[in-house]
Amino acid sequence: MEQASWFDFVEKERDPVYEELQNLTKENPSIRIASYTITLNPFALIEIESDGIHYCVSDIESCYTYLCNLSK
């Protein structure tokens, strides 16, 4: 049995992780979420980095999904 999170039952827009990802802009191209550094690179791709991880996605939705799957 898998433990559910409160955020599994509400809109992702209320999830603090999703809210923080919304702050990625050209003016603010890098944020930290837990042990992950999330960077909006010059090619408008989002890089997710941590120990042993360097992953790239094309949009915030994909980044959010990737981070959610890492925590499961």
PDB file of N, CA and C in Angstrom:
ATOM      1  N   MET A   1       0.845  -1.174   0.000  1.00  0.00           N
ATOM      2  CA  MET A   1       0.000   0.000   0.000  1.00  0.00           C
ATOM      3  C   MET A   1       0.892   1.239   0.000  1.00  0.00           C
ATOM      4  N   GLU A   2       0.548   2.193  -0.827  1.00  0.00           N
ATOM      5  CA  GLU A   2       1.327   3.414  -0.978  1.00  0.00           C
ATOM      6  C   GLU A   2       0.708   4.542  -0.165  1.00  0.00           C
ATOM      7  N   GLN A   3       1.547   5.296   0.528  1.00  0.00           N
ATOM      8  CA  GLN A   3       1.045   6.414   1.318  1.00  0.00           C
ATOM      9  C   GLN A   3       0.669   7.566   0.396  1.00  0.00           C
ATOM     10  N   ALA A   4      -0.500   8.105   0.597  1.00  0.00           N
ATOM     11  CA  ALA A   4      -0.979   9.220  -0.218  1.00  0.00           C
ATOM     12  C   ALA A   4      -0.602  10.543   0.439  1.00  0.00           C
ATOM     13  N   SER A   5      -0.453  11.527  -0.393  1.00  0.00           N
ATOM     14  CA  SER A   5      -0.192  12.882   0.069  1.00  0.00           C
ATOM     15  C   SER A   5      -1.473  13.688  -0.052  1.00  0.00           C
ATOM     16  N   TRP A   6      -1.618  14.690   0.789  1.00  0.00           N
ATOM     17  CA  TRP A   6      -2.777  15.579   0.711  1.00  0.00           C
ATOM     18  C   TRP A   6      -2.870  16.189  -0.675  1.00  0.00           C
ATOM     19  N   PHE A   7      -1.694  16.447  -1.283  1.00  0.00           N
ATOM     20  CA  PHE A   7      -1.660  17.087  -2.597  1.00  0.00           C
ATOM     21  C   PHE A   7      -2.124  16.163  -3.713  1.00  0.00           C
ATOM     22  N   ASP A   8      -2.252  14.866  -3.438  1.00  0.00           N
ATOM     23  CA  ASP A   8      -2.814  13.946  -4.428  1.00  0.00           C
ATOM     24  C   ASP A   8      -4.302  14.194  -4.623  1.00  0.00           C
ATOM     25  N   PHE A   9      -4.931  14.895  -3.697  1.00  0.00           N
ATOM     26  CA  PHE A   9      -6.382  15.059  -3.718  1.00  0.00           C
ATOM     27  C   PHE A   9      -6.848  16.485  -4.001  1.00  0.00           C
ATOM     28  N   VAL A  10      -5.930  17.415  -4.120  1.00  0.00           N
ATOM     29  CA  VAL A  10      -6.294  18.804  -4.419  1.00  0.00           C
ATOM     30  C   VAL A  10      -5.670  19.212  -5.746  1.00  0.00           C
ATOM     31  N   GLU A  11      -6.081  20.352  -6.246  1.00  0.00           N
ATOM     32  CA  GLU A  11      -5.514  20.841  -7.493  1.00  0.00           C
ATOM     33  C   GLU A  11      -4.024  21.096  -7.314  1.00  0.00           C
ATOM     34  N   LYS A  12      -3.263  20.790  -8.351  1.00  0.00           N
ATOM     35  CA  LYS A  12      -1.815  21.000  -8.254  1.00  0.00           C
ATOM     36  C   LYS A  12      -1.468  22.467  -8.039  1.00  0.00           C
ATOM     37  N   GLU A  13      -2.363  23.366  -8.449  1.00  0.00           N
ATOM     38  CA  GLU A  13      -2.111  24.790  -8.268  1.00  0.00           C
ATOM     39  C   GLU A  13      -1.986  25.171  -6.797  1.00  0.00           C
ATOM     40  N   ARG A  14      -2.472  24.323  -5.903  1.00  0.00           N
ATOM     41  CA  ARG A  14      -2.355  24.575  -4.456  1.00  0.00           C
ATOM     42  C   ARG A  14      -1.131  23.903  -3.843  1.00  0.00           C
ATOM     43  N   ASP A  15      -0.457  23.096  -4.630  1.00  0.00           N
ATOM     44  CA  ASP A  15       0.735  22.394  -4.165  1.00  0.00           C
ATOM     45  C   ASP A  15       1.903  23.386  -4.119  1.00  0.00           C
ATOM     46  N   PRO A  16       2.584  23.508  -2.985  1.00  0.00           N
ATOM     47  CA  PRO A  16       3.703  24.453  -2.875  1.00  0.00           C
ATOM     48  C   PRO A  16       4.820  24.193  -3.892  1.00  0.00           C
ATOM     49  N   VAL A  17       5.022  22.940  -4.270  1.00  0.00           N
ATOM     50  CA  VAL A  17       6.042  22.630  -5.283  1.00  0.00           C
ATOM     51  C   VAL A  17       5.639  23.244  -6.619  1.00  0.00           C
ATOM     52  N   TYR A  18       4.399  23.052  -7.013  1.00  0.00           N
ATOM     53  CA  TYR A  18       3.911  23.617  -8.278  1.00  0.00           C
ATOM     54  C   TYR A  18       3.953  25.144  -8.233  1.00  0.00           C
ATOM     55  N   GLU A  19       3.570  25.710  -7.098  1.00  0.00           N
ATOM     56  CA  GLU A  19       3.619  27.170  -6.948  1.00  0.00           C
ATOM     57  C   GLU A  19       5.044  27.689  -7.116  1.00  0.00           C
ATOM     58  N   GLU A  20       6.004  26.989  -6.537  1.00  0.00           N
ATOM     59  CA  GLU A  20       7.401  27.417  -6.653  1.00  0.00           C
ATOM     60  C   GLU A  20       7.891  27.298  -8.096  1.00  0.00           C
ATOM     61  N   LEU A  21       7.478  26.261  -8.805  1.00  0.00           N
ATOM     62  CA  LEU A  21       7.866  26.110 -10.209  1.00  0.00           C
ATOM     63  C   LEU A  21       7.336  27.257 -11.062  1.00  0.00           C
ATOM     64  N   GLN A  22       6.205  27.815 -10.668  1.00  0.00           N
ATOM     65  CA  GLN A  22       5.642  28.947 -11.401  1.00  0.00           C
ATOM     66  C   GLN A  22       6.544  30.181 -11.323  1.00  0.00           C
ATOM     67  N   ASN A  23       7.475  30.198 -10.375  1.00  0.00           N
ATOM     68  CA  ASN A  23       8.388  31.334 -10.208  1.00  0.00           C
ATOM     69  C   ASN A  23       9.574  31.306 -11.166  1.00  0.00           C
ATOM     70  N   LEU A  24       9.733  30.220 -11.931  1.00  0.00           N
ATOM     71  CA  LEU A  24      10.832  30.148 -12.894  1.00  0.00           C
ATOM     72  C   LEU A  24      10.582  31.122 -14.039  1.00  0.00           C
ATOM     73  N   THR A  25      11.466  32.087 -14.190  1.00  0.00           N
ATOM     74  CA  THR A  25      11.371  33.069 -15.272  1.00  0.00           C
ATOM     75  C   THR A  25      12.782  33.410 -15.740  1.00  0.00           C
ATOM     76  N   LYS A  26      12.889  34.178 -16.805  1.00  0.00           N
ATOM     77  CA  LYS A  26      14.208  34.638 -17.255  1.00  0.00           C
ATOM     78  C   LYS A  26      14.870  35.492 -16.185  1.00  0.00           C
ATOM     79  N   GLU A  27      14.065  36.228 -15.417  1.00  0.00           N
ATOM     80  CA  GLU A  27      14.600  37.065 -14.345  1.00  0.00           C
ATOM     81  C   GLU A  27      14.958  36.247 -13.103  1.00  0.00           C
ATOM     82  N   ASN A  28      14.317  35.114 -12.922  1.00  0.00           N
ATOM     83  CA  ASN A  28      14.552  34.220 -11.788  1.00  0.00           C
ATOM     84  C   ASN A  28      14.714  32.797 -12.338  1.00  0.00           C
ATOM     85  N   PRO A  29      15.888  32.503 -12.962  1.00  0.00           N
ATOM     86  CA  PRO A  29      16.024  31.248 -13.700  1.00  0.00           C
ATOM     87  C   PRO A  29      16.376  30.017 -12.868  1.00  0.00           C
ATOM     88  N   SER A  30      16.575  30.166 -11.561  1.00  0.00           N
ATOM     89  CA  SER A  30      16.979  29.019 -10.760  1.00  0.00           C
ATOM     90  C   SER A  30      16.287  29.036  -9.400  1.00  0.00           C
ATOM     91  N   ILE A  31      15.767  27.872  -9.010  1.00  0.00           N
ATOM     92  CA  ILE A  31      15.142  27.726  -7.694  1.00  0.00           C
ATOM     93  C   ILE A  31      15.605  26.417  -7.072  1.00  0.00           C
ATOM     94  N   ARG A  32      15.467  26.314  -5.750  1.00  0.00           N
ATOM     95  CA  ARG A  32      15.766  25.070  -5.033  1.00  0.00           C
ATOM     96  C   ARG A  32      14.471  24.532  -4.452  1.00  0.00           C
ATOM     97  N   ILE A  33      14.263  23.253  -4.662  1.00  0.00           N
ATOM     98  CA  ILE A  33      13.142  22.547  -4.050  1.00  0.00           C
ATOM     99  C   ILE A  33      13.739  21.302  -3.412  1.00  0.00           C
ATOM    100  N   ALA A  34      13.726  21.272  -2.084  1.00  0.00           N
ATOM    101  CA  ALA A  34      14.373  20.196  -1.320  1.00  0.00           C
ATOM    102  C   ALA A  34      15.832  20.105  -1.780  1.00  0.00           C
ATOM    103  N   SER A  35      16.288  18.935  -2.213  1.00  0.00           N
ATOM    104  CA  SER A  35      17.686  18.783  -2.634  1.00  0.00           C
ATOM    105  C   SER A  35      17.873  18.997  -4.133  1.00  0.00           C
ATOM    106  N   TYR A  36      16.854  19.484  -4.815  1.00  0.00           N
ATOM    107  CA  TYR A  36      16.905  19.658  -6.268  1.00  0.00           C
ATOM    108  C   TYR A  36      17.110  21.124  -6.643  1.00  0.00           C
ATOM    109  N   THR A  37      17.961  21.346  -7.626  1.00  0.00           N
ATOM    110  CA  THR A  37      18.106  22.662  -8.229  1.00  0.00           C
ATOM    111  C   THR A  37      17.377  22.610  -9.561  1.00  0.00           C
ATOM    112  N   ILE A  38      16.437  23.516  -9.738  1.00  0.00           N
ATOM    113  CA  ILE A  38      15.632  23.581 -10.953  1.00  0.00           C
ATOM    114  C   ILE A  38      16.046  24.856 -11.682  1.00  0.00           C
ATOM    115  N   THR A  39      16.475  24.716 -12.943  1.00  0.00           N
ATOM    116  CA  THR A  39      16.998  25.853 -13.693  1.00  0.00           C
ATOM    117  C   THR A  39      16.314  25.971 -15.048  1.00  0.00           C
ATOM    118  N   LEU A  40      15.911  27.182 -15.375  1.00  0.00           N
ATOM    119  CA  LEU A  40      15.405  27.491 -16.709  1.00  0.00           C
ATOM    120  C   LEU A  40      16.614  27.927 -17.530  1.00  0.00           C
ATOM    121  N   ASN A  41      17.015  27.098 -18.506  1.00  0.00           N
ATOM    122  CA  ASN A  41      18.235  27.410 -19.252  1.00  0.00           C
ATOM    123  C   ASN A  41      17.954  28.372 -20.409  1.00  0.00           C
ATOM    124  N   PRO A  42      19.000  28.863 -21.090  1.00  0.00           N
ATOM    125  CA  PRO A  42      18.815  29.847 -22.170  1.00  0.00           C
ATOM    126  C   PRO A  42      17.982  29.346 -23.351  1.00  0.00           C
ATOM    127  N   PHE A  43      17.788  28.035 -23.443  1.00  0.00           N
ATOM    128  CA  PHE A  43      16.996  27.457 -24.531  1.00  0.00           C
ATOM    129  C   PHE A  43      15.553  27.197 -24.111  1.00  0.00           C
ATOM    130  N   ALA A  44      15.156  27.744 -22.962  1.00  0.00           N
ATOM    131  CA  ALA A  44      13.807  27.609 -22.397  1.00  0.00           C
ATOM    132  C   ALA A  44      13.488  26.176 -21.994  1.00  0.00           C
ATOM    133  N   LEU A  45      14.513  25.389 -21.709  1.00  0.00           N
ATOM    134  CA  LEU A  45      14.323  24.044 -21.173  1.00  0.00           C
ATOM    135  C   LEU A  45      14.544  24.095 -19.669  1.00  0.00           C
ATOM    136  N   ILE A  46      13.902  23.208 -18.954  1.00  0.00           N
ATOM    137  CA  ILE A  46      14.006  23.177 -17.497  1.00  0.00           C
ATOM    138  C   ILE A  46      14.895  22.002 -17.103  1.00  0.00           C
ATOM    139  N   GLU A  47      15.979  22.298 -16.393  1.00  0.00           N
ATOM    140  CA  GLU A  47      16.910  21.275 -15.941  1.00  0.00           C
ATOM    141  C   GLU A  47      16.670  20.981 -14.466  1.00  0.00           C
ATOM    142  N   ILE A  48      16.655  19.702 -14.130  1.00  0.00           N
ATOM    143  CA  ILE A  48      16.469  19.240 -12.756  1.00  0.00           C
ATOM    144  C   ILE A  48      17.768  18.559 -12.352  1.00  0.00           C
ATOM    145  N   GLU A  49      18.413  19.074 -11.299  1.00  0.00           N
ATOM    146  CA  GLU A  49      19.703  18.532 -10.889  1.00  0.00           C
ATOM    147  C   GLU A  49      19.730  18.228  -9.398  1.00  0.00           C
ATOM    148  N   SER A  50      20.410  17.135  -9.081  1.00  0.00           N
ATOM    149  CA  SER A  50      20.674  16.739  -7.707  1.00  0.00           C
ATOM    150  C   SER A  50      21.777  15.691  -7.781  1.00  0.00           C
ATOM    151  N   ASP A  51      22.149  15.106  -6.649  1.00  0.00           N
ATOM    152  CA  ASP A  51      23.168  14.057  -6.660  1.00  0.00           C
ATOM    153  C   ASP A  51      22.727  12.923  -7.580  1.00  0.00           C
ATOM    154  N   GLY A  52      23.502  12.680  -8.622  1.00  0.00           N
ATOM    155  CA  GLY A  52      23.212  11.585  -9.536  1.00  0.00           C
ATOM    156  C   GLY A  52      22.075  11.837 -10.507  1.00  0.00           C
ATOM    157  N   ILE A  53      21.518  13.049 -10.517  1.00  0.00           N
ATOM    158  CA  ILE A  53      20.392  13.361 -11.404  1.00  0.00           C
ATOM    159  C   ILE A  53      20.723  14.608 -12.216  1.00  0.00           C
ATOM    160  N   HIS A  54      20.561  14.505 -13.505  1.00  0.00           N
ATOM    161  CA  HIS A  54      20.569  15.676 -14.391  1.00  0.00           C
ATOM    162  C   HIS A  54      19.562  15.352 -15.479  1.00  0.00           C
ATOM    163  N   TYR A  55      18.370  15.905 -15.336  1.00  0.00           N
ATOM    164  CA  TYR A  55      17.256  15.592 -16.222  1.00  0.00           C
ATOM    165  C   TYR A  55      16.739  16.890 -16.820  1.00  0.00           C
ATOM    166  N   CYS A  56      16.254  16.825 -18.039  1.00  0.00           N
ATOM    167  CA  CYS A  56      15.784  18.021 -18.720  1.00  0.00           C
ATOM    168  C   CYS A  56      14.368  17.785 -19.245  1.00  0.00           C
ATOM    169  N   VAL A  57      13.505  18.771 -19.044  1.00  0.00           N
ATOM    170  CA  VAL A  57      12.128  18.707 -19.547  1.00  0.00           C
ATOM    171  C   VAL A  57      11.810  20.014 -20.264  1.00  0.00           C
ATOM    172  N   SER A  58      10.705  20.014 -20.996  1.00  0.00           N
ATOM    173  CA  SER A  58      10.392  21.182 -21.820  1.00  0.00           C
ATOM    174  C   SER A  58       9.378  22.135 -21.207  1.00  0.00           C
ATOM    175  N   ASP A  59       8.719  21.720 -20.108  1.00  0.00           N
ATOM    176  CA  ASP A  59       7.712  22.610 -19.524  1.00  0.00           C
ATOM    177  C   ASP A  59       7.526  22.331 -18.036  1.00  0.00           C
ATOM    178  N   ILE A  60       6.828  23.235 -17.388  1.00  0.00           N
ATOM    179  CA  ILE A  60       6.609  23.139 -15.942  1.00  0.00           C
ATOM    180  C   ILE A  60       5.787  21.900 -15.586  1.00  0.00           C
ATOM    181  N   GLU A  61       4.808  21.563 -16.402  1.00  0.00           N
ATOM    182  CA  GLU A  61       3.974  20.385 -16.132  1.00  0.00           C
ATOM    183  C   GLU A  61       4.833  19.123 -16.065  1.00  0.00           C
ATOM    184  N   SER A  62       5.742  18.973 -17.032  1.00  0.00           N
ATOM    185  CA  SER A  62       6.620  17.798 -17.060  1.00  0.00           C
ATOM    186  C   SER A  62       7.576  17.797 -15.875  1.00  0.00           C
ATOM    187  N   CYS A  63       8.055  18.970 -15.506  1.00  0.00           N
ATOM    188  CA  CYS A  63       8.939  19.090 -14.350  1.00  0.00           C
ATOM    189  C   CYS A  63       8.204  18.682 -13.079  1.00  0.00           C
ATOM    190  N   TYR A  64       7.005  19.179 -12.914  1.00  0.00           N
ATOM    191  CA  TYR A  64       6.196  18.856 -11.741  1.00  0.00           C
ATOM    192  C   TYR A  64       5.932  17.346 -11.665  1.00  0.00           C
ATOM    193  N   THR A  65       5.563  16.754 -12.789  1.00  0.00           N
ATOM    194  CA  THR A  65       5.305  15.311 -12.832  1.00  0.00           C
ATOM    195  C   THR A  65       6.557  14.529 -12.470  1.00  0.00           C
ATOM    196  N   TYR A  66       7.695  14.937 -13.004  1.00  0.00           N
ATOM    197  CA  TYR A  66       8.956  14.263 -12.713  1.00  0.00           C
ATOM    198  C   TYR A  66       9.278  14.336 -11.218  1.00  0.00           C
ATOM    199  N   LEU A  67       9.160  15.516 -10.635  1.00  0.00           N
ATOM    200  CA  LEU A  67       9.443  15.673  -9.203  1.00  0.00           C
ATOM    201  C   LEU A  67       8.480  14.848  -8.352  1.00  0.00           C
ATOM    202  N   CYS A  68       7.218  14.813  -8.726  1.00  0.00           N
ATOM    203  CA  CYS A  68       6.236  14.015  -7.984  1.00  0.00           C
ATOM    204  C   CYS A  68       6.583  12.534  -8.044  1.00  0.00           C
ATOM    205  N   ASN A  69       7.002  12.067  -9.207  1.00  0.00           N
ATOM    206  CA  ASN A  69       7.358  10.657  -9.355  1.00  0.00           C
ATOM    207  C   ASN A  69       8.622  10.309  -8.592  1.00  0.00           C
ATOM    208  N   LEU A  70       9.541  11.250  -8.440  1.00  0.00           N
ATOM    209  CA  LEU A  70      10.753  11.005  -7.657  1.00  0.00           C
ATOM    210  C   LEU A  70      10.430  10.788  -6.185  1.00  0.00           C
ATOM    211  N   SER A  71       9.400  11.453  -5.710  1.00  0.00           N
ATOM    212  CA  SER A  71       9.078  11.379  -4.282  1.00  0.00           C
ATOM    213  C   SER A  71       8.264  10.142  -3.925  1.00  0.00           C
ATOM    214  N   LYS A  72       7.877   9.357  -4.908  1.00  0.00           N
ATOM    215  CA  LYS A  72       7.069   8.151  -4.629  1.00  0.00           C
ATOM    216  C   LYS A  72       7.932   6.931  -4.508  1.00  0.00           C
TER     217      LYS A  72
END
